[in-house]
């Protein structure tokens, strides 16, 4: 029922600490692959880890106080206040990072 959905949304929005794990497909003009996605949210801070098919870390992204830090094995650490733009520039992936907390919890 719509009333129940609204109550569910309000309850989930108020939840400050949570974690989600799943699979993500990534397709660019040159390649396509899949990864395991692990998202951990704590207030406005988050950690995103992408694992390859054999469980190795492909990339990790963390945000603290609005500053995002992207770590890729055997590369320098990248920092930006715009995580989506940084991931697009460094990895060439259009990940909806700002929307992921809503998508992962199926929120409006």
N, C-alpha and C. Protein backbone atom coordinates (compact mmCIF):
# COMPACT_ATOMS: atom_id res chain seq x y z
N UNK A 1 0.85 -1.19 0.00
CA UNK A 1 0.00 0.00 0.00
C UNK A 1 0.89 1.25 0.00
N UNK A 2 0.44 2.33 -0.64
CA UNK A 2 1.25 3.55 -0.69
C UNK A 2 1.64 4.08 0.68
N UNK A 3 0.76 4.01 1.67
CA UNK A 3 1.10 4.49 3.01
C UNK A 3 2.26 3.70 3.58
N UNK A 4 2.27 2.39 3.38
CA UNK A 4 3.36 1.56 3.88
C UNK A 4 4.67 1.92 3.18
N UNK A 5 4.62 2.19 1.89
CA UNK A 5 5.82 2.55 1.13
C UNK A 5 6.41 3.85 1.66
N UNK A 6 5.56 4.80 1.94
CA UNK A 6 6.01 6.08 2.47
C UNK A 6 6.68 5.89 3.83
N UNK A 7 6.09 5.08 4.69
CA UNK A 7 6.68 4.81 6.01
C UNK A 7 8.02 4.10 5.85
N UNK A 8 8.11 3.16 4.92
CA UNK A 8 9.36 2.45 4.66
C UNK A 8 10.44 3.43 4.24
N UNK A 9 10.11 4.32 3.29
CA UNK A 9 11.07 5.32 2.82
C UNK A 9 11.58 6.18 3.96
N UNK A 10 10.66 6.67 4.79
CA UNK A 10 11.06 7.53 5.90
C UNK A 10 11.97 6.80 6.88
N UNK A 11 11.68 5.55 7.14
CA UNK A 11 12.51 4.75 8.06
C UNK A 11 13.91 4.56 7.48
N UNK A 12 14.00 4.23 6.19
CA UNK A 12 15.30 4.00 5.56
C UNK A 12 16.11 5.28 5.41
N UNK A 13 15.46 6.39 5.14
CA UNK A 13 16.17 7.66 5.00
C UNK A 13 16.84 8.03 6.32
N UNK A 14 16.19 7.75 7.44
CA UNK A 14 16.72 8.09 8.75
C UNK A 14 17.86 7.17 9.19
N UNK A 15 17.97 6.03 8.54
CA UNK A 15 19.02 5.06 8.90
C UNK A 15 20.38 5.63 8.50
N UNK A 16 21.22 5.93 9.47
CA UNK A 16 22.50 6.57 9.21
C UNK A 16 23.64 5.62 8.90
N UNK A 17 23.57 4.40 9.40
CA UNK A 17 24.65 3.44 9.19
C UNK A 17 24.05 2.20 8.53
N UNK A 18 24.58 1.84 7.35
CA UNK A 18 24.10 0.66 6.65
C UNK A 18 25.14 0.19 5.63
N UNK A 19 24.93 -1.02 5.12
CA UNK A 19 25.84 -1.61 4.14
C UNK A 19 25.04 -2.37 3.09
N UNK A 20 25.52 -2.36 1.86
CA UNK A 20 24.90 -3.11 0.77
C UNK A 20 26.00 -3.81 -0.03
N UNK A 21 25.68 -4.98 -0.53
CA UNK A 21 26.63 -5.74 -1.34
C UNK A 21 25.86 -6.32 -2.52
N UNK A 22 26.46 -6.24 -3.71
CA UNK A 22 25.80 -6.77 -4.90
C UNK A 22 26.74 -6.81 -6.09
N UNK A 23 26.18 -7.02 -7.26
CA UNK A 23 26.94 -7.06 -8.50
C UNK A 23 26.59 -5.85 -9.34
N UNK A 24 27.57 -5.39 -10.10
CA UNK A 24 27.37 -4.25 -10.97
C UNK A 24 27.97 -4.58 -12.34
N UNK A 25 27.28 -4.18 -13.39
CA UNK A 25 27.81 -4.33 -14.73
C UNK A 25 28.37 -3.00 -15.20
N UNK A 26 29.53 -3.03 -15.80
CA UNK A 26 30.18 -1.81 -16.28
C UNK A 26 30.45 -1.99 -17.77
N UNK A 27 29.93 -1.06 -18.57
CA UNK A 27 30.11 -1.14 -20.01
C UNK A 27 30.56 0.22 -20.52
N UNK A 28 31.68 0.24 -21.22
CA UNK A 28 32.17 1.45 -21.87
C UNK A 28 32.23 1.19 -23.36
N UNK A 29 32.68 2.16 -24.11
CA UNK A 29 32.81 1.99 -25.55
C UNK A 29 33.83 0.90 -25.89
N UNK A 30 34.81 0.68 -25.01
CA UNK A 30 35.89 -0.26 -25.31
C UNK A 30 35.81 -1.59 -24.58
N UNK A 31 35.03 -1.67 -23.52
CA UNK A 31 35.02 -2.92 -22.74
C UNK A 31 33.72 -3.06 -21.96
N UNK A 32 33.47 -4.26 -21.50
CA UNK A 32 32.38 -4.50 -20.56
C UNK A 32 32.86 -5.54 -19.56
N UNK A 33 32.43 -5.37 -18.33
CA UNK A 33 32.82 -6.30 -17.28
C UNK A 33 31.82 -6.18 -16.14
N UNK A 34 32.01 -7.01 -15.14
CA UNK A 34 31.17 -6.93 -13.96
C UNK A 34 32.07 -6.93 -12.73
N UNK A 35 31.52 -6.49 -11.63
CA UNK A 35 32.28 -6.42 -10.39
C UNK A 35 31.34 -6.62 -9.21
N UNK A 36 31.90 -6.99 -8.10
CA UNK A 36 31.16 -7.00 -6.85
C UNK A 36 31.26 -5.60 -6.26
N UNK A 37 30.13 -5.07 -5.84
CA UNK A 37 30.06 -3.73 -5.28
C UNK A 37 29.76 -3.86 -3.79
N UNK A 38 30.55 -3.20 -2.96
CA UNK A 38 30.30 -3.14 -1.53
C UNK A 38 30.22 -1.68 -1.14
N UNK A 39 29.08 -1.28 -0.59
CA UNK A 39 28.85 0.11 -0.18
C UNK A 39 28.61 0.12 1.32
N UNK A 40 29.34 0.96 2.03
CA UNK A 40 29.14 1.15 3.46
C UNK A 40 28.88 2.62 3.70
N UNK A 41 27.77 2.93 4.34
CA UNK A 41 27.37 4.30 4.60
C UNK A 41 27.39 4.54 6.11
N UNK A 42 27.95 5.67 6.52
CA UNK A 42 27.95 6.08 7.92
C UNK A 42 27.71 7.59 7.94
N UNK A 43 26.46 7.96 8.11
CA UNK A 43 26.10 9.37 8.03
C UNK A 43 26.31 9.87 6.61
N UNK A 44 27.09 10.94 6.45
CA UNK A 44 27.38 11.45 5.10
C UNK A 44 28.64 10.85 4.52
N UNK A 45 29.35 10.05 5.30
CA UNK A 45 30.57 9.38 4.82
C UNK A 45 30.22 8.03 4.21
N UNK A 46 30.99 7.64 3.19
CA UNK A 46 30.78 6.32 2.60
C UNK A 46 32.09 5.72 2.13
N UNK A 47 32.05 4.40 1.97
CA UNK A 47 33.13 3.62 1.36
C UNK A 47 32.50 2.78 0.27
N UNK A 48 33.10 2.80 -0.90
CA UNK A 48 32.67 1.98 -2.03
C UNK A 48 33.87 1.16 -2.47
N UNK A 49 33.70 -0.16 -2.52
CA UNK A 49 34.76 -1.05 -2.99
C UNK A 49 34.23 -1.84 -4.16
N UNK A 50 35.01 -1.91 -5.24
CA UNK A 50 34.67 -2.73 -6.40
C UNK A 50 35.69 -3.85 -6.49
N UNK A 51 35.18 -5.08 -6.49
CA UNK A 51 36.05 -6.26 -6.56
C UNK A 51 35.89 -6.95 -7.90
N UNK A 52 36.99 -7.40 -8.48
CA UNK A 52 36.98 -8.11 -9.75
C UNK A 52 36.49 -9.55 -9.58
N UNK A 53 36.47 -10.31 -10.68
CA UNK A 53 35.95 -11.67 -10.67
C UNK A 53 36.65 -12.61 -9.67
N UNK A 54 37.91 -12.38 -9.40
CA UNK A 54 38.64 -13.25 -8.47
C UNK A 54 38.75 -12.65 -7.07
N UNK A 55 37.97 -11.60 -6.80
CA UNK A 55 37.95 -11.00 -5.48
C UNK A 55 39.01 -9.95 -5.23
N UNK A 56 39.79 -9.60 -6.26
CA UNK A 56 40.81 -8.58 -6.08
C UNK A 56 40.16 -7.19 -6.15
N UNK A 57 40.70 -6.24 -5.41
CA UNK A 57 40.17 -4.88 -5.42
C UNK A 57 40.51 -4.20 -6.73
N UNK A 58 39.50 -3.77 -7.45
CA UNK A 58 39.69 -3.03 -8.69
C UNK A 58 39.83 -1.55 -8.39
N UNK A 59 38.99 -1.06 -7.48
CA UNK A 59 39.03 0.34 -7.07
C UNK A 59 38.29 0.49 -5.75
N UNK A 60 38.70 1.47 -4.98
CA UNK A 60 37.95 1.81 -3.77
C UNK A 60 37.82 3.32 -3.71
N UNK A 61 36.67 3.73 -3.26
CA UNK A 61 36.35 5.14 -3.18
C UNK A 61 35.81 5.42 -1.79
N UNK A 62 36.35 6.41 -1.13
CA UNK A 62 35.82 6.80 0.17
C UNK A 62 35.61 8.29 0.19
N UNK A 63 34.59 8.68 0.91
CA UNK A 63 34.30 10.10 1.05
C UNK A 63 34.19 10.44 2.52
N UNK A 64 34.95 11.46 2.92
CA UNK A 64 34.93 11.97 4.28
C UNK A 64 34.84 13.49 4.22
N UNK A 65 33.86 14.04 4.91
CA UNK A 65 33.67 15.49 4.96
C UNK A 65 33.62 16.11 3.56
N UNK A 66 33.00 15.43 2.61
CA UNK A 66 32.84 15.95 1.26
C UNK A 66 34.01 15.70 0.32
N UNK A 67 35.16 15.27 0.84
CA UNK A 67 36.32 15.00 -0.01
C UNK A 67 36.37 13.51 -0.35
N UNK A 68 36.36 13.20 -1.64
CA UNK A 68 36.41 11.82 -2.10
C UNK A 68 37.84 11.43 -2.43
N UNK A 69 38.18 10.19 -2.13
CA UNK A 69 39.52 9.66 -2.39
C UNK A 69 39.37 8.34 -3.14
N UNK A 70 39.95 8.27 -4.33
CA UNK A 70 39.89 7.09 -5.18
C UNK A 70 41.24 6.38 -5.15
N UNK A 71 41.20 5.10 -4.80
CA UNK A 71 42.42 4.30 -4.74
C UNK A 71 42.30 3.15 -5.74
N UNK A 72 43.31 3.03 -6.58
CA UNK A 72 43.40 1.96 -7.57
C UNK A 72 44.76 1.30 -7.36
N UNK A 73 44.81 -0.04 -7.29
CA UNK A 73 46.11 -0.69 -7.09
C UNK A 73 47.16 -0.22 -8.09
N UNK A 74 48.35 0.05 -7.59
CA UNK A 74 49.51 0.45 -8.38
C UNK A 74 49.34 1.80 -9.10
N UNK A 75 48.51 2.68 -8.54
CA UNK A 75 48.32 4.03 -9.06
C UNK A 75 48.39 5.01 -7.90
N UNK A 76 48.60 6.27 -8.19
CA UNK A 76 48.55 7.26 -7.10
C UNK A 76 47.12 7.36 -6.57
N UNK A 77 46.95 7.93 -5.40
CA UNK A 77 45.63 8.17 -4.83
C UNK A 77 45.11 9.47 -5.41
N UNK A 78 43.87 9.45 -5.88
CA UNK A 78 43.24 10.63 -6.47
C UNK A 78 42.27 11.22 -5.45
N UNK A 79 42.15 12.55 -5.43
CA UNK A 79 41.23 13.22 -4.52
C UNK A 79 40.44 14.27 -5.28
N UNK A 80 39.18 14.42 -4.88
CA UNK A 80 38.32 15.42 -5.50
C UNK A 80 37.09 15.66 -4.62
N UNK A 81 36.49 16.83 -4.76
CA UNK A 81 35.22 17.10 -4.09
C UNK A 81 34.04 16.66 -4.96
N UNK A 82 34.32 16.15 -6.17
CA UNK A 82 33.28 15.64 -7.08
C UNK A 82 33.64 14.20 -7.44
N UNK A 83 33.11 13.26 -6.66
CA UNK A 83 33.46 11.85 -6.84
C UNK A 83 33.05 11.32 -8.21
N UNK A 84 31.86 11.68 -8.67
CA UNK A 84 31.39 11.18 -9.97
C UNK A 84 32.31 11.63 -11.09
N UNK A 85 32.68 12.90 -11.10
CA UNK A 85 33.56 13.43 -12.15
C UNK A 85 34.94 12.79 -12.07
N UNK A 86 35.43 12.57 -10.86
CA UNK A 86 36.75 11.95 -10.70
C UNK A 86 36.76 10.51 -11.23
N UNK A 87 35.74 9.74 -10.89
CA UNK A 87 35.66 8.36 -11.37
C UNK A 87 35.55 8.34 -12.89
N UNK A 88 34.76 9.23 -13.45
CA UNK A 88 34.62 9.31 -14.91
C UNK A 88 35.95 9.65 -15.57
N UNK A 89 36.67 10.60 -14.99
CA UNK A 89 37.94 11.02 -15.57
C UNK A 89 39.02 9.95 -15.43
N UNK A 90 39.14 9.36 -14.26
CA UNK A 90 40.22 8.41 -13.99
C UNK A 90 39.93 7.03 -14.57
N UNK A 91 38.70 6.53 -14.36
CA UNK A 91 38.37 5.17 -14.79
C UNK A 91 37.59 5.12 -16.11
N UNK A 92 37.00 6.24 -16.51
CA UNK A 92 36.19 6.24 -17.72
C UNK A 92 34.81 5.65 -17.51
N UNK A 93 34.35 5.55 -16.26
CA UNK A 93 33.04 4.95 -15.93
C UNK A 93 32.09 6.04 -15.48
N UNK A 94 30.88 5.97 -15.96
CA UNK A 94 29.83 6.89 -15.53
C UNK A 94 29.03 6.21 -14.42
N UNK A 95 29.53 6.28 -13.19
CA UNK A 95 28.83 5.69 -12.04
C UNK A 95 28.00 6.77 -11.36
N UNK A 96 26.73 6.50 -11.10
CA UNK A 96 25.87 7.49 -10.43
C UNK A 96 26.10 7.48 -8.91
N UNK A 97 27.29 7.86 -8.50
CA UNK A 97 27.70 7.74 -7.11
C UNK A 97 26.78 8.53 -6.18
N UNK A 98 26.39 9.72 -6.57
CA UNK A 98 25.53 10.54 -5.71
C UNK A 98 24.15 9.92 -5.53
N UNK A 99 23.71 9.12 -6.49
CA UNK A 99 22.39 8.48 -6.41
C UNK A 99 22.43 7.08 -5.82
N UNK A 100 23.60 6.47 -5.75
CA UNK A 100 23.69 5.08 -5.29
C UNK A 100 23.05 4.82 -3.93
N UNK A 101 23.21 5.68 -2.93
CA UNK A 101 22.55 5.40 -1.65
C UNK A 101 21.03 5.27 -1.78
N UNK A 102 20.43 5.99 -2.71
CA UNK A 102 18.99 5.90 -2.94
C UNK A 102 18.65 4.65 -3.74
N UNK A 103 19.42 4.39 -4.79
CA UNK A 103 19.17 3.22 -5.63
C UNK A 103 19.32 1.93 -4.84
N UNK A 104 20.38 1.84 -4.04
CA UNK A 104 20.65 0.61 -3.30
C UNK A 104 19.56 0.30 -2.27
N UNK A 105 18.90 1.32 -1.77
CA UNK A 105 17.83 1.12 -0.78
C UNK A 105 16.44 1.26 -1.41
N UNK A 106 16.38 1.42 -2.74
CA UNK A 106 15.12 1.57 -3.47
C UNK A 106 14.27 2.69 -2.90
N UNK A 107 14.91 3.86 -2.74
CA UNK A 107 14.21 5.04 -2.23
C UNK A 107 13.81 5.96 -3.36
N UNK A 108 12.77 6.74 -3.12
CA UNK A 108 12.32 7.74 -4.11
C UNK A 108 13.35 8.83 -4.25
